[in-house]
Amino acid sequence: MKQLQEELKEHGILAYETTGTTEEKLAEMVDKMQLVSANPEPAPEPKTLLGTLLRRNLLWVALIKQKFARSTQIMNTANKLSDKVG
């Protein structure tokens, strides 16, 4: 198992990400192989893939900023109410 991981690591591939038991590692590897065989289409071009990932990351940043702003507004309102009560 370690030899396989080392051989794949040379190519930038992780055979498994779990840190659990050997059985869990093997199960993860089987799941990955099944995913590959279920989706045999070739990988997208690097430029397309990077563009897609960048857009996805920027969307997440925007969503997190919105949630942070809303939570800040809620906390400000809660603090004002608690100041009035206390």
C-alpha atoms as a PDB file:
ATOM      1  CA  MET A   1       0.000   0.000   0.000  1.00  0.00           C
ATOM      2  CA  LYS A   2       2.794   2.440   0.896  1.00  0.00           C
ATOM      3  CA  GLN A   3       4.651   1.579  -2.308  1.00  0.00           C
ATOM      4  CA  LEU A   4       1.549   2.372  -4.398  1.00  0.00           C
ATOM      5  CA  GLN A   5       1.091   5.669  -2.561  1.00  0.00           C
ATOM      6  CA  GLU A   6       4.747   6.623  -3.161  1.00  0.00           C
ATOM      7  CA  GLU A   7       4.607   5.701  -6.862  1.00  0.00           C
ATOM      8  CA  LEU A   8       1.467   7.754  -7.398  1.00  0.00           C
ATOM      9  CA  LYS A   9       2.779  10.672  -5.327  1.00  0.00           C
ATOM     10  CA  GLU A  10       5.605  11.113  -7.861  1.00  0.00           C
ATOM     11  CA  HIS A  11       2.897  12.023 -10.391  1.00  0.00           C
ATOM     12  CA  GLY A  12       0.980  14.269  -7.997  1.00  0.00           C
ATOM     13  CA  ILE A  13      -1.779  11.705  -7.390  1.00  0.00           C
ATOM     14  CA  LEU A  14      -3.117  10.751  -3.974  1.00  0.00           C
ATOM     15  CA  ALA A  15      -4.273   7.145  -3.867  1.00  0.00           C
ATOM     16  CA  TYR A  16      -6.283   7.915  -0.746  1.00  0.00           C
ATOM     17  CA  GLU A  17      -6.904  10.845   1.581  1.00  0.00           C
ATOM     18  CA  THR A  18      -8.253   9.048   4.626  1.00  0.00           C
ATOM     19  CA  THR A  19      -6.006   8.455   7.598  1.00  0.00           C
ATOM     20  CA  GLY A  20      -8.075   5.531   8.849  1.00  0.00           C
ATOM     21  CA  THR A  21      -7.522   1.816   8.712  1.00  0.00           C
ATOM     22  CA  THR A  22      -6.165  -0.099   5.738  1.00  0.00           C
ATOM     23  CA  GLU A  23      -9.704  -1.244   4.949  1.00  0.00           C
ATOM     24  CA  GLU A  24     -10.913   2.365   4.858  1.00  0.00           C
ATOM     25  CA  LYS A  25      -8.040   3.319   2.567  1.00  0.00           C
ATOM     26  CA  LEU A  26      -8.800   0.431   0.228  1.00  0.00           C
ATOM     27  CA  ALA A  27     -12.502   1.319   0.216  1.00  0.00           C
ATOM     28  CA  GLU A  28     -11.663   4.903  -0.746  1.00  0.00           C
ATOM     29  CA  MET A  29      -9.406   3.704  -3.561  1.00  0.00           C
ATOM     30  CA  VAL A  30     -12.160   1.390  -4.865  1.00  0.00           C
ATOM     31  CA  ASP A  31     -14.654   4.272  -4.760  1.00  0.00           C
ATOM     32  CA  LYS A  32     -12.253   6.435  -6.778  1.00  0.00           C
ATOM     33  CA  MET A  33     -11.755   3.674  -9.353  1.00  0.00           C
ATOM     34  CA  GLN A  34     -15.512   3.202  -9.697  1.00  0.00           C
ATOM     35  CA  LEU A  35     -15.953   6.943 -10.193  1.00  0.00           C
ATOM     36  CA  VAL A  36     -13.356   6.930 -12.966  1.00  0.00           C
ATOM     37  CA  SER A  37     -14.932   3.947 -14.712  1.00  0.00           C
ATOM     38  CA  ALA A  38     -18.412   5.505 -14.389  1.00  0.00           C
ATOM     39  CA  ASN A  39     -17.144   8.740 -16.004  1.00  0.00           C
ATOM     40  CA  PRO A  40     -14.756   7.694 -18.777  1.00  0.00           C
ATOM     41  CA  GLU A  41     -14.786  11.065 -20.546  1.00  0.00           C
ATOM     42  CA  PRO A  42     -11.420  12.807 -20.705  1.00  0.00           C
ATOM     43  CA  ALA A  43     -10.477  15.502 -18.234  1.00  0.00           C
ATOM     44  CA  PRO A  44     -11.135  19.093 -19.306  1.00  0.00           C
ATOM     45  CA  GLU A  45      -8.351  21.235 -20.673  1.00  0.00           C
ATOM     46  CA  PRO A  46      -6.254  22.824 -17.902  1.00  0.00           C
ATOM     47  CA  LYS A  47      -7.290  26.379 -18.823  1.00  0.00           C
ATOM     48  CA  THR A  48     -10.986  25.405 -18.742  1.00  0.00           C
ATOM     49  CA  LEU A  49     -10.574  23.553 -15.455  1.00  0.00           C
ATOM     50  CA  LEU A  50      -8.732  26.432 -13.789  1.00  0.00           C
ATOM     51  CA  GLY A  51     -11.300  28.949 -15.029  1.00  0.00           C
ATOM     52  CA  THR A  52     -14.140  26.846 -13.651  1.00  0.00           C
ATOM     53  CA  LEU A  53     -12.424  26.370 -10.304  1.00  0.00           C
ATOM     54  CA  LEU A  54     -11.605  30.070 -10.044  1.00  0.00           C
ATOM     55  CA  ARG A  55     -15.235  31.045 -10.724  1.00  0.00           C
ATOM     56  CA  ARG A  56     -16.424  28.490  -8.155  1.00  0.00           C
ATOM     57  CA  ASN A  57     -13.991  29.822  -5.541  1.00  0.00           C
ATOM     58  CA  LEU A  58     -14.973  33.438  -6.195  1.00  0.00           C
ATOM     59  CA  LEU A  59     -18.639  32.473  -5.822  1.00  0.00           C
ATOM     60  CA  TRP A  60     -17.869  30.863  -2.443  1.00  0.00           C
ATOM     61  CA  VAL A  61     -16.000  33.980  -1.326  1.00  0.00           C
ATOM     62  CA  ALA A  62     -18.997  36.146  -2.240  1.00  0.00           C
ATOM     63  CA  LEU A  63     -21.397  33.810  -0.401  1.00  0.00           C
ATOM     64  CA  ILE A  64     -19.236  33.718   2.715  1.00  0.00           C
ATOM     65  CA  LYS A  65     -18.934  37.514   2.730  1.00  0.00           C
ATOM     66  CA  GLN A  66     -22.742  37.797   2.506  1.00  0.00           C
ATOM     67  CA  LYS A  67     -23.230  35.376   5.395  1.00  0.00           C
ATOM     68  CA  PHE A  68     -20.606  37.185   7.475  1.00  0.00           C
ATOM     69  CA  ALA A  69     -22.284  40.539   6.827  1.00  0.00           C
ATOM     70  CA  ARG A  70     -25.676  39.109   7.806  1.00  0.00           C
ATOM     71  CA  SER A  71     -24.299  37.494  10.956  1.00  0.00           C
ATOM     72  CA  THR A  72     -22.597  40.777  11.889  1.00  0.00           C
ATOM     73  CA  GLN A  73     -25.898  42.636  11.471  1.00  0.00           C
ATOM     74  CA  ILE A  74     -27.684  40.043  13.609  1.00  0.00           C
ATOM     75  CA  MET A  75     -25.014  40.309  16.319  1.00  0.00           C
ATOM     76  CA  ASN A  76     -25.238  44.106  16.302  1.00  0.00           C
ATOM     77  CA  THR A  77     -29.018  43.933  16.689  1.00  0.00           C
ATOM     78  CA  ALA A  78     -28.722  41.345  19.457  1.00  0.00           C
ATOM     79  CA  ASN A  79     -26.161  43.481  21.285  1.00  0.00           C
ATOM     80  CA  LYS A  80     -28.415  46.559  21.055  1.00  0.00           C
ATOM     81  CA  LEU A  81     -31.353  44.581  22.406  1.00  0.00           C
ATOM     82  CA  SER A  82     -29.332  43.123  25.257  1.00  0.00           C
ATOM     83  CA  ASP A  83     -28.028  46.602  26.145  1.00  0.00           C
ATOM     84  CA  LYS A  84     -31.628  47.861  26.373  1.00  0.00           C
ATOM     85  CA  VAL A  85     -32.737  44.910  28.493  1.00  0.00           C
ATOM     86  CA  GLY A  86     -29.661  44.804  30.729  1.00  0.00           C
END
